[in-house]
Amino acid sequence: MKPLVFQSDFGTVDGAVSAMYGVAYGVDPGLVISNLTHEITPYDIWEASYRLIQTVSYWPRGTVFVSVVDPGVGSTRRSIAVETNGGHYIITPDNGTLTHVKRMCGIRAARIIDESTNRLQGSGESYTFHGRDIYAFTGARLAAGVITFEQVGPAVEVDSVIELPVVDAKLEGDSVSGTIDVLDVRFGSLWTNIPRELFAKLGVPHGGRLEISIENETRMLYKNILTYAKSFADVCVGEPLVYVNSLDCMAVAINQGSFARAYNIGTGNKWKIHIRRAPRVIYE
């Protein structure tokens, strides 16, 4: 018996998530089921991908994740299961949800779900709730040991697993640049794709000053000098800061405030951030 973890954009205001639980417990009432989140922005595959990479590696080997953010439900997109290099399993639509896991954790093997055996009995005429009928059912069977990974369905090439477009962070002269990948939703911090190791090449110590600029495709949204802080307590309440987040990447926040709300900042490849050592200002 392995842990089973659900993620979706369903929310919890109706019975969709509970139905997935019911299907899983119908496979084996001894399953231990947890939620990653059900508050993914509706249809936001990128966010689903990011939440997986934020979480997967902290669970024991063998944990089965079911991620259902599926704007193409009922279409020709594939339903797949993958095994990561860390020994975790993920059941999901093949629509880009595995982008960050594939790039940052690595995928060892991938299989198409065989719906002739791995589908809830009596659900064959349903084309709009694969999260319940296929993914929760297959994930539960895998977690409970009813089937092995090999029995999920036929193997496919790992390279065929779909990835969303990604803009890599880069070092240019005295600055690093990247994208604002996602928000720390509850607190409004901006999480970038700039790794701490790349940022460290600027040679700025904690307490140092950084020039931050943020732009989208149309205009500059923000430009200011911020402190590179070890923790939020290093700056005053209401003061912005740059810090290293839980994924070992650079992030921007306001101490006890929402940076995203304050400056109307969004996420995705169109949102660029540049960080450089602040120029010295000499007053005569």
C-alpha atoms as a PDB file:
ATOM      1  CA  MET A   1       0.000   0.000   0.000  1.00  0.00           C
ATOM      2  CA  LYS A   2       1.441   3.345  -1.096  1.00  0.00           C
ATOM      3  CA  PRO A   3       0.239   6.904  -0.391  1.00  0.00           C
ATOM      4  CA  LEU A   4      -2.181   8.372  -2.950  1.00  0.00           C
ATOM      5  CA  VAL A   5      -2.133  12.153  -3.494  1.00  0.00           C
ATOM      6  CA  PHE A   6      -4.748  14.078  -5.479  1.00  0.00           C
ATOM      7  CA  GLN A   7      -4.372  17.412  -7.282  1.00  0.00           C
ATOM      8  CA  SER A   8      -6.961  19.182  -9.451  1.00  0.00           C
ATOM      9  CA  ASP A   9      -8.593  22.463 -10.424  1.00  0.00           C
ATOM     10  CA  PHE A  10     -11.985  21.205  -9.194  1.00  0.00           C
ATOM     11  CA  GLY A  11     -12.182  23.218  -5.971  1.00  0.00           C
ATOM     12  CA  THR A  12     -14.168  21.834  -3.046  1.00  0.00           C
ATOM     13  CA  VAL A  13     -17.513  23.597  -3.403  1.00  0.00           C
ATOM     14  CA  ASP A  14     -19.186  20.542  -4.950  1.00  0.00           C
ATOM     15  CA  GLY A  15     -18.794  16.771  -4.911  1.00  0.00           C
ATOM     16  CA  ALA A  16     -16.158  16.280  -7.626  1.00  0.00           C
ATOM     17  CA  VAL A  17     -13.225  15.707  -5.274  1.00  0.00           C
ATOM     18  CA  SER A  18     -15.323  13.568  -2.946  1.00  0.00           C
ATOM     19  CA  ALA A  19     -16.311  11.387  -5.903  1.00  0.00           C
ATOM     20  CA  MET A  20     -12.625  10.762  -6.634  1.00  0.00           C
ATOM     21  CA  TYR A  21     -12.121   9.741  -3.010  1.00  0.00           C
ATOM     22  CA  GLY A  22     -15.112   7.412  -3.244  1.00  0.00           C
ATOM     23  CA  VAL A  23     -13.756   5.691  -6.348  1.00  0.00           C
ATOM     24  CA  ALA A  24     -10.337   5.255  -4.707  1.00  0.00           C
ATOM     25  CA  TYR A  25     -11.800   3.832  -1.496  1.00  0.00           C
ATOM     26  CA  GLY A  26     -13.927   1.522  -3.618  1.00  0.00           C
ATOM     27  CA  VAL A  27     -10.686   0.015  -4.892  1.00  0.00           C
ATOM     28  CA  ASP A  28      -9.331  -0.422  -1.365  1.00  0.00           C
ATOM     29  CA  PRO A  29     -10.760   1.200   1.798  1.00  0.00           C
ATOM     30  CA  GLY A  30      -7.323   0.904   3.425  1.00  0.00           C
ATOM     31  CA  LEU A  31      -5.764   3.515   1.126  1.00  0.00           C
ATOM     32  CA  VAL A  32      -4.220   6.614   2.681  1.00  0.00           C
ATOM     33  CA  ILE A  33      -5.295   9.567   0.508  1.00  0.00           C
ATOM     34  CA  SER A  34      -4.031  13.140   0.766  1.00  0.00           C
ATOM     35  CA  ASN A  35      -4.596  16.341  -1.195  1.00  0.00           C
ATOM     36  CA  LEU A  36      -1.825  18.321  -2.830  1.00  0.00           C
ATOM     37  CA  THR A  37      -4.312  21.045  -3.788  1.00  0.00           C
ATOM     38  CA  HIS A  38      -7.661  21.377  -5.533  1.00  0.00           C
ATOM     39  CA  GLU A  39      -7.315  25.141  -5.961  1.00  0.00           C
ATOM     40  CA  ILE A  40      -5.298  25.231  -9.188  1.00  0.00           C
ATOM     41  CA  THR A  41      -6.533  28.115 -11.323  1.00  0.00           C
ATOM     42  CA  PRO A  42      -9.103  26.519 -13.663  1.00  0.00           C
ATOM     43  CA  TYR A  43      -7.481  25.075 -16.818  1.00  0.00           C
ATOM     44  CA  ASP A  44      -3.989  26.323 -15.806  1.00  0.00           C
ATOM     45  CA  ILE A  45      -1.758  23.421 -16.831  1.00  0.00           C
ATOM     46  CA  TRP A  46       1.405  25.436 -16.118  1.00  0.00           C
ATOM     47  CA  GLU A  47       0.393  25.973 -12.498  1.00  0.00           C
ATOM     48  CA  ALA A  48      -0.432  22.275 -12.114  1.00  0.00           C
ATOM     49  CA  SER A  49       3.024  21.399 -13.415  1.00  0.00           C
ATOM     50  CA  TYR A  50       4.673  23.803 -10.980  1.00  0.00           C
ATOM     51  CA  ARG A  51       2.755  22.532  -7.951  1.00  0.00           C
ATOM     52  CA  LEU A  52       3.878  18.997  -8.734  1.00  0.00           C
ATOM     53  CA  ILE A  53       7.562  19.930  -8.817  1.00  0.00           C
ATOM     54  CA  GLN A  54       7.053  21.892  -5.590  1.00  0.00           C
ATOM     55  CA  THR A  55       5.802  18.754  -3.845  1.00  0.00           C
ATOM     56  CA  VAL A  56       6.597  15.389  -5.415  1.00  0.00           C
ATOM     57  CA  SER A  57      10.183  14.848  -4.220  1.00  0.00           C
ATOM     58  CA  TYR A  58       9.236  15.299  -0.545  1.00  0.00           C
ATOM     59  CA  TRP A  59       6.973  12.229  -0.542  1.00  0.00           C
ATOM     60  CA  PRO A  60       8.239   8.654  -0.045  1.00  0.00           C
ATOM     61  CA  ARG A  61       9.305   6.572  -3.018  1.00  0.00           C
ATOM     62  CA  GLY A  62       6.344   4.776  -4.527  1.00  0.00           C
ATOM     63  CA  THR A  63       3.832   7.530  -3.758  1.00  0.00           C
ATOM     64  CA  VAL A  64       1.180   7.810  -6.485  1.00  0.00           C
ATOM     65  CA  PHE A  65       0.067  11.300  -7.567  1.00  0.00           C
ATOM     66  CA  VAL A  66      -3.094  11.900  -9.556  1.00  0.00           C
ATOM     67  CA  SER A  67      -3.140  15.332 -11.202  1.00  0.00           C
ATOM     68  CA  VAL A  68      -6.257  16.382 -13.092  1.00  0.00           C
ATOM     69  CA  VAL A  69      -6.169  19.769 -14.817  1.00  0.00           C
ATOM     70  CA  ASP A  70      -7.674  18.763 -18.096  1.00  0.00           C
ATOM     71  CA  PRO A  71      -9.091  21.401 -20.453  1.00  0.00           C
ATOM     72  CA  GLY A  72      -8.880  18.820 -23.248  1.00  0.00           C
ATOM     73  CA  VAL A  73     -10.968  16.158 -21.510  1.00  0.00           C
ATOM     74  CA  GLY A  74     -12.704  13.938 -24.032  1.00  0.00           C
ATOM     75  CA  SER A  75     -10.320  14.920 -26.845  1.00  0.00           C
ATOM     76  CA  THR A  76      -7.496  12.905 -28.407  1.00  0.00           C
ATOM     77  CA  ARG A  77      -4.963  13.884 -25.725  1.00  0.00           C
ATOM     78  CA  ARG A  78      -3.387  10.846 -24.078  1.00  0.00           C
ATOM     79  CA  SER A  79      -3.932   9.600 -20.535  1.00  0.00           C
ATOM     80  CA  ILE A  80      -0.582   8.533 -19.134  1.00  0.00           C
ATOM     81  CA  ALA A  81       1.265   7.281 -16.085  1.00  0.00           C
ATOM     82  CA  VAL A  82       4.934   8.008 -15.514  1.00  0.00           C
ATOM     83  CA  GLU A  83       7.594   6.848 -13.095  1.00  0.00           C
ATOM     84  CA  THR A  84      10.045   9.565 -12.078  1.00  0.00           C
ATOM     85  CA  ASN A  85      13.745   9.049 -11.524  1.00  0.00           C
ATOM     86  CA  GLY A  86      12.991   9.401  -7.811  1.00  0.00           C
ATOM     87  CA  GLY A  87      10.596   6.448  -7.843  1.00  0.00           C
ATOM     88  CA  HIS A  88       7.304   8.369  -7.707  1.00  0.00           C
ATOM     89  CA  TYR A  89       4.317   7.731  -9.982  1.00  0.00           C
ATOM     90  CA  ILE A  90       2.105  10.380 -11.595  1.00  0.00           C
ATOM     91  CA  ILE A  91      -1.223   9.704 -13.333  1.00  0.00           C
ATOM     92  CA  THR A  92      -2.349  12.627 -15.495  1.00  0.00           C
ATOM     93  CA  PRO A  93      -3.475  13.842 -18.904  1.00  0.00           C
ATOM     94  CA  ASP A  94      -0.508  14.195 -21.258  1.00  0.00           C
ATOM     95  CA  ASN A  95      -1.025  17.922 -21.805  1.00  0.00           C
ATOM     96  CA  GLY A  96       2.086  19.546 -20.328  1.00  0.00           C
ATOM     97  CA  THR A  97       1.299  18.870 -16.666  1.00  0.00           C
ATOM     98  CA  LEU A  98       4.597  16.962 -16.414  1.00  0.00           C
ATOM     99  CA  THR A  99       6.765  19.777 -17.817  1.00  0.00           C
ATOM    100  CA  HIS A 100       8.648  20.654 -14.629  1.00  0.00           C
ATOM    101  CA  VAL A 101       8.873  17.086 -13.345  1.00  0.00           C
ATOM    102  CA  LYS A 102      10.353  15.959 -16.656  1.00  0.00           C
ATOM    103  CA  ARG A 103      12.903  18.798 -16.714  1.00  0.00           C
ATOM    104  CA  MET A 104      13.876  18.916 -13.049  1.00  0.00           C
ATOM    105  CA  CYS A 105      13.275  15.421 -11.609  1.00  0.00           C
ATOM    106  CA  GLY A 106      13.485  13.314 -14.730  1.00  0.00           C
ATOM    107  CA  ILE A 107      11.105  10.625 -15.959  1.00  0.00           C
ATOM    108  CA  ARG A 108      12.305   7.023 -16.055  1.00  0.00           C
ATOM    109  CA  ALA A 109       9.355   5.440 -17.873  1.00  0.00           C
ATOM    110  CA  ALA A 110       5.955   6.350 -19.322  1.00  0.00           C
ATOM    111  CA  ARG A 111       2.867   4.297 -20.150  1.00  0.00           C
ATOM    112  CA  ILE A 112      -0.474   4.966 -21.837  1.00  0.00           C
ATOM    113  CA  ILE A 113      -3.399   4.059 -19.580  1.00  0.00           C
ATOM    114  CA  ASP A 114      -5.224   1.039 -20.982  1.00  0.00           C
ATOM    115  CA  GLU A 115      -8.847   2.076 -20.443  1.00  0.00           C
ATOM    116  CA  SER A 116     -10.140  -1.379 -21.304  1.00  0.00           C
ATOM    117  CA  THR A 117      -8.928  -2.573 -17.888  1.00  0.00           C
ATOM    118  CA  ASN A 118      -8.085   0.587 -15.965  1.00  0.00           C
ATOM    119  CA  ARG A 119     -11.401   2.388 -16.015  1.00  0.00           C
ATOM    120  CA  LEU A 120     -14.230   2.489 -13.477  1.00  0.00           C
ATOM    121  CA  GLN A 121     -16.799  -0.147 -14.376  1.00  0.00           C
ATOM    122  CA  GLY A 122     -19.917   1.292 -16.001  1.00  0.00           C
ATOM    123  CA  SER A 123     -18.314   4.660 -16.872  1.00  0.00           C
ATOM    124  CA  GLY A 124     -17.562   3.977 -20.518  1.00  0.00           C
ATOM    125  CA  GLU A 125     -20.152   6.441 -21.802  1.00  0.00           C
ATOM    126  CA  SER A 126     -18.778   9.316 -19.682  1.00  0.00           C
ATOM    127  CA  TYR A 127     -16.376  11.618 -21.516  1.00  0.00           C
ATOM    128  CA  THR A 128     -16.175  14.595 -19.141  1.00  0.00           C
ATOM    129  CA  PHE A 129     -15.037  13.195 -15.789  1.00  0.00           C
ATOM    130  CA  HIS A 130     -11.881  11.229 -16.493  1.00  0.00           C
ATOM    131  CA  GLY A 131     -10.498  12.470 -13.167  1.00  0.00           C
ATOM    132  CA  ARG A 132     -12.926  10.126 -11.419  1.00  0.00           C
ATOM    133  CA  ASP A 133     -13.406   7.385 -13.989  1.00  0.00           C
ATOM    134  CA  ILE A 134      -9.823   6.871 -15.207  1.00  0.00           C
ATOM    135  CA  TYR A 135      -7.219   8.770 -13.181  1.00  0.00           C
ATOM    136  CA  ALA A 136      -8.491   8.273  -9.620  1.00  0.00           C
ATOM    137  CA  PHE A 137      -9.375   4.653 -10.431  1.00  0.00           C
ATOM    138  CA  THR A 138      -6.003   3.845 -11.996  1.00  0.00           C
ATOM    139  CA  GLY A 139      -4.073   5.733  -9.324  1.00  0.00           C
ATOM    140  CA  ALA A 140      -5.895   3.859  -6.574  1.00  0.00           C
ATOM    141  CA  ARG A 141      -5.250   0.492  -8.214  1.00  0.00           C
ATOM    142  CA  LEU A 142      -1.549   1.308  -8.523  1.00  0.00           C
ATOM    143  CA  ALA A 143      -1.248   2.625  -4.963  1.00  0.00           C
ATOM    144  CA  ALA A 144      -3.125  -0.357  -3.515  1.00  0.00           C
ATOM    145  CA  GLY A 145      -0.964  -2.846  -5.401  1.00  0.00           C
ATOM    146  CA  VAL A 146      -3.884  -4.208  -7.431  1.00  0.00           C
ATOM    147  CA  ILE A 147      -1.811  -3.528 -10.549  1.00  0.00           C
ATOM    148  CA  THR A 148       1.871  -2.910 -11.187  1.00  0.00           C
ATOM    149  CA  PHE A 149       3.143   0.068 -13.143  1.00  0.00           C
ATOM    150  CA  GLU A 150       3.669  -2.255 -16.115  1.00  0.00           C
ATOM    151  CA  GLN A 151      -0.016  -3.224 -15.992  1.00  0.00           C
ATOM    152  CA  VAL A 152      -1.167   0.383 -16.397  1.00  0.00           C
ATOM    153  CA  GLY A 153      -0.813   0.025 -20.163  1.00  0.00           C
ATOM    154  CA  PRO A 154       1.653  -0.043 -23.060  1.00  0.00           C
ATOM    155  CA  ALA A 155       5.001   1.722 -22.750  1.00  0.00           C
ATOM    156  CA  VAL A 156       5.738   4.878 -24.734  1.00  0.00           C
ATOM    157  CA  GLU A 157       8.928   6.861 -25.222  1.00  0.00           C
ATOM    158  CA  VAL A 158       9.690   9.296 -22.409  1.00  0.00           C
ATOM    159  CA  ASP A 159      10.647  11.885 -25.033  1.00  0.00           C
ATOM    160  CA  SER A 160       7.059  11.799 -26.295  1.00  0.00           C
ATOM    161  CA  VAL A 161       5.673  13.180 -23.004  1.00  0.00           C
ATOM    162  CA  ILE A 162       4.406  16.676 -23.821  1.00  0.00           C
ATOM    163  CA  GLU A 163       6.202  19.719 -22.404  1.00  0.00           C
ATOM    164  CA  LEU A 164       5.021  23.319 -22.312  1.00  0.00           C
ATOM    165  CA  PRO A 165       7.363  26.036 -23.678  1.00  0.00           C
ATOM    166  CA  VAL A 166       9.934  27.117 -21.091  1.00  0.00           C
ATOM    167  CA  VAL A 167      12.208  30.176 -21.112  1.00  0.00           C
ATOM    168  CA  ASP A 168      15.461  29.364 -19.332  1.00  0.00           C
ATOM    169  CA  ALA A 169      17.008  31.803 -16.881  1.00  0.00           C
ATOM    170  CA  LYS A 170      20.304  33.275 -18.042  1.00  0.00           C
ATOM    171  CA  LEU A 171      23.255  35.348 -16.893  1.00  0.00           C
ATOM    172  CA  GLU A 172      24.059  38.379 -19.048  1.00  0.00           C
ATOM    173  CA  GLY A 173      26.920  40.575 -17.921  1.00  0.00           C
ATOM    174  CA  ASP A 174      26.124  41.922 -14.477  1.00  0.00           C
ATOM    175  CA  SER A 175      22.497  40.713 -14.365  1.00  0.00           C
ATOM    176  CA  VAL A 176      20.411  37.557 -14.349  1.00  0.00           C
ATOM    177  CA  SER A 177      17.049  37.337 -16.030  1.00  0.00           C
ATOM    178  CA  GLY A 178      14.198  34.879 -16.037  1.00  0.00           C
ATOM    179  CA  THR A 179      10.433  34.555 -15.854  1.00  0.00           C
ATOM    180  CA  ILE A 180       7.886  34.797 -13.060  1.00  0.00           C
ATOM    181  CA  ASP A 181       6.706  31.218 -13.112  1.00  0.00           C
ATOM    182  CA  VAL A 182       4.059  31.209 -10.390  1.00  0.00           C
ATOM    183  CA  LEU A 183       2.818  33.012  -7.297  1.00  0.00           C
ATOM    184  CA  ASP A 184       3.065  31.953  -3.704  1.00  0.00           C
ATOM    185  CA  VAL A 185      -0.681  32.303  -3.929  1.00  0.00           C
ATOM    186  CA  ARG A 186      -1.686  32.986  -0.347  1.00  0.00           C
ATOM    187  CA  PHE A 187       0.992  35.595   0.297  1.00  0.00           C
ATOM    188  CA  GLY A 188       1.407  37.153  -3.163  1.00  0.00           C
ATOM    189  CA  SER A 189       5.149  36.529  -3.525  1.00  0.00           C
ATOM    190  CA  LEU A 190       6.632  36.169  -7.018  1.00  0.00           C
ATOM    191  CA  TRP A 191       8.481  32.899  -7.642  1.00  0.00           C
ATOM    192  CA  THR A 192      10.953  33.097 -10.513  1.00  0.00           C
ATOM    193  CA  ASN A 193      12.758  30.417 -12.502  1.00  0.00           C
ATOM    194  CA  ILE A 194      16.176  31.904 -11.603  1.00  0.00           C
ATOM    195  CA  PRO A 195      18.146  29.276  -9.632  1.00  0.00           C
ATOM    196  CA  ARG A 196      20.045  30.458  -6.561  1.00  0.00           C
ATOM    197  CA  GLU A 197      23.278  29.064  -8.040  1.00  0.00           C
ATOM    198  CA  LEU A 198      22.907  31.278 -11.119  1.00  0.00           C
ATOM    199  CA  PHE A 199      22.034  34.314  -9.003  1.00  0.00           C
ATOM    200  CA  ALA A 200      25.088  33.655  -6.793  1.00  0.00           C
ATOM    201  CA  LYS A 201      27.343  34.471  -9.751  1.00  0.00           C
ATOM    202  CA  LEU A 202      26.444  38.138  -9.198  1.00  0.00           C
ATOM    203  CA  GLY A 203      28.390  37.949  -5.930  1.00  0.00           C
ATOM    204  CA  VAL A 204      25.780  39.811  -3.865  1.00  0.00           C
ATOM    205  CA  PRO A 205      25.770  38.847  -0.139  1.00  0.00           C
ATOM    206  CA  HIS A 206      22.761  38.815   2.160  1.00  0.00           C
ATOM    207  CA  GLY A 207      21.983  42.401   3.048  1.00  0.00           C
ATOM    208  CA  GLY A 208      23.230  43.578  -0.348  1.00  0.00           C
ATOM    209  CA  ARG A 209      21.174  45.776  -2.640  1.00  0.00           C
ATOM    210  CA  LEU A 210      19.672  44.635  -5.942  1.00  0.00           C
ATOM    211  CA  GLU A 211      18.038  46.458  -8.803  1.00  0.00           C
ATOM    212  CA  ILE A 212      14.853  44.615  -9.807  1.00  0.00           C
ATOM    213  CA  SER A 213      12.878  45.297 -12.972  1.00  0.00           C
ATOM    214  CA  ILE A 214       9.717  43.469 -14.062  1.00  0.00           C
ATOM    215  CA  GLU A 215       8.080  43.725 -17.473  1.00  0.00           C
ATOM    216  CA  ASN A 216       5.533  41.986 -19.619  1.00  0.00           C
ATOM    217  CA  GLU A 217       5.305  42.089 -23.402  1.00  0.00           C
ATOM    218  CA  THR A 218       3.969  45.624 -23.461  1.00  0.00           C
ATOM    219  CA  ARG A 219       5.638  47.698 -20.741  1.00  0.00           C
ATOM    220  CA  MET A 220       7.768  47.969 -17.626  1.00  0.00           C
ATOM    221  CA  LEU A 221       5.645  47.292 -14.526  1.00  0.00           C
ATOM    222  CA  TYR A 222       8.181  47.708 -11.742  1.00  0.00           C
ATOM    223  CA  LYS A 223      11.725  48.942 -11.160  1.00  0.00           C
ATOM    224  CA  ASN A 224      13.278  49.515  -7.760  1.00  0.00           C
ATOM    225  CA  ILE A 225      16.194  48.803  -5.428  1.00  0.00           C
ATOM    226  CA  LEU A 226      15.536  45.921  -3.008  1.00  0.00           C
ATOM    227  CA  THR A 227      17.432  44.173  -0.222  1.00  0.00           C
ATOM    228  CA  TYR A 228      18.635  40.609  -0.700  1.00  0.00           C
ATOM    229  CA  ALA A 229      17.382  39.131   2.567  1.00  0.00           C
ATOM    230  CA  LYS A 230      17.975  35.804   4.283  1.00  0.00           C
ATOM    231  CA  SER A 231      14.460  35.943   5.752  1.00  0.00           C
ATOM    232  CA  PHE A 232      11.458  38.258   5.898  1.00  0.00           C
ATOM    233  CA  ALA A 233      12.536  39.451   9.337  1.00  0.00           C
ATOM    234  CA  ASP A 234      15.567  41.128   7.757  1.00  0.00           C
ATOM    235  CA  VAL A 235      13.400  43.975   6.409  1.00  0.00           C
ATOM    236  CA  CYS A 236      10.707  46.191   7.898  1.00  0.00           C
ATOM    237  CA  VAL A 237       7.011  45.395   7.585  1.00  0.00           C
ATOM    238  CA  GLY A 238       5.775  46.673   4.223  1.00  0.00           C
ATOM    239  CA  GLU A 239       9.265  46.652   2.693  1.00  0.00           C
ATOM    240  CA  PRO A 240       9.984  44.630  -0.473  1.00  0.00           C
ATOM    241  CA  LEU A 241      12.776  42.066  -0.559  1.00  0.00           C
ATOM    242  CA  VAL A 242      14.472  39.399  -2.665  1.00  0.00           C
ATOM    243  CA  TYR A 243      14.946  35.965  -1.100  1.00  0.00           C
ATOM    244  CA  VAL A 244      15.518  32.282  -1.920  1.00  0.00           C
ATOM    245  CA  ASN A 245      12.277  30.280  -1.951  1.00  0.00           C
ATOM    246  CA  SER A 246      11.620  26.650  -1.029  1.00  0.00           C
ATOM    247  CA  LEU A 247      12.581  25.470  -4.538  1.00  0.00           C
ATOM    248  CA  ASP A 248      16.027  27.111  -4.251  1.00  0.00           C
ATOM    249  CA  CYS A 249      15.060  29.807  -6.754  1.00  0.00           C
ATOM    250  CA  MET A 250      14.889  33.566  -6.391  1.00  0.00           C
ATOM    251  CA  ALA A 251      11.653  35.202  -5.281  1.00  0.00           C
ATOM    252  CA  VAL A 252      10.356  38.719  -4.651  1.00  0.00           C
ATOM    253  CA  ALA A 253       7.961  39.660  -1.865  1.00  0.00           C
ATOM    254  CA  ILE A 254       6.681  42.354   0.460  1.00  0.00           C
ATOM    255  CA  ASN A 255       7.068  41.594   4.152  1.00  0.00           C
ATOM    256  CA  GLN A 256       3.499  40.983   5.372  1.00  0.00           C
ATOM    257  CA  GLY A 257       2.041  42.183   2.089  1.00  0.00           C
ATOM    258  CA  SER A 258       1.198  40.926  -1.416  1.00  0.00           C
ATOM    259  CA  PHE A 259       3.697  42.013  -4.047  1.00  0.00           C
ATOM    260  CA  ALA A 260       1.547  40.607  -6.863  1.00  0.00           C
ATOM    261  CA  ARG A 261      -1.528  42.540  -5.742  1.00  0.00           C
ATOM    262  CA  ALA A 262       0.359  45.743  -4.980  1.00  0.00           C
ATOM    263  CA  TYR A 263       1.837  45.989  -8.482  1.00  0.00           C
ATOM    264  CA  ASN A 264      -0.644  43.899 -10.511  1.00  0.00           C
ATOM    265  CA  ILE A 265       1.982  41.339 -11.509  1.00  0.00           C
ATOM    266  CA  GLY A 266       1.061  38.157 -13.399  1.00  0.00           C
ATOM    267  CA  THR A 267       2.838  34.906 -14.192  1.00  0.00           C
ATOM    268  CA  GLY A 268       4.028  32.966 -17.203  1.00  0.00           C
ATOM    269  CA  ASN A 269       6.653  33.246 -19.916  1.00  0.00           C
ATOM    270  CA  LYS A 270       5.491  36.750 -20.867  1.00  0.00           C
ATOM    271  CA  TRP A 271       6.437  38.098 -17.443  1.00  0.00           C
ATOM    272  CA  LYS A 272      10.174  38.822 -17.359  1.00  0.00           C
ATOM    273  CA  ILE A 273      12.285  39.757 -14.359  1.00  0.00           C
ATOM    274  CA  HIS A 274      15.830  41.133 -14.343  1.00  0.00           C
ATOM    275  CA  ILE A 275      18.068  41.205 -11.274  1.00  0.00           C
ATOM    276  CA  ARG A 276      21.408  42.963 -11.019  1.00  0.00           C
ATOM    277  CA  ARG A 277      23.697  44.340  -8.377  1.00  0.00           C
ATOM    278  CA  ALA A 278      22.465  47.839  -7.559  1.00  0.00           C
ATOM    279  CA  PRO A 279      24.817  50.563  -8.789  1.00  0.00           C
ATOM    280  CA  ARG A 280      26.648  52.510  -6.133  1.00  0.00           C
ATOM    281  CA  VAL A 281      25.350  56.036  -5.619  1.00  0.00           C
ATOM    282  CA  ILE A 282      27.844  58.584  -4.322  1.00  0.00           C
ATOM    283  CA  TYR A 283      26.457  61.759  -2.783  1.00  0.00           C
ATOM    284  CA  GLU A 284      28.679  64.848  -2.742  1.00  0.00           C
END
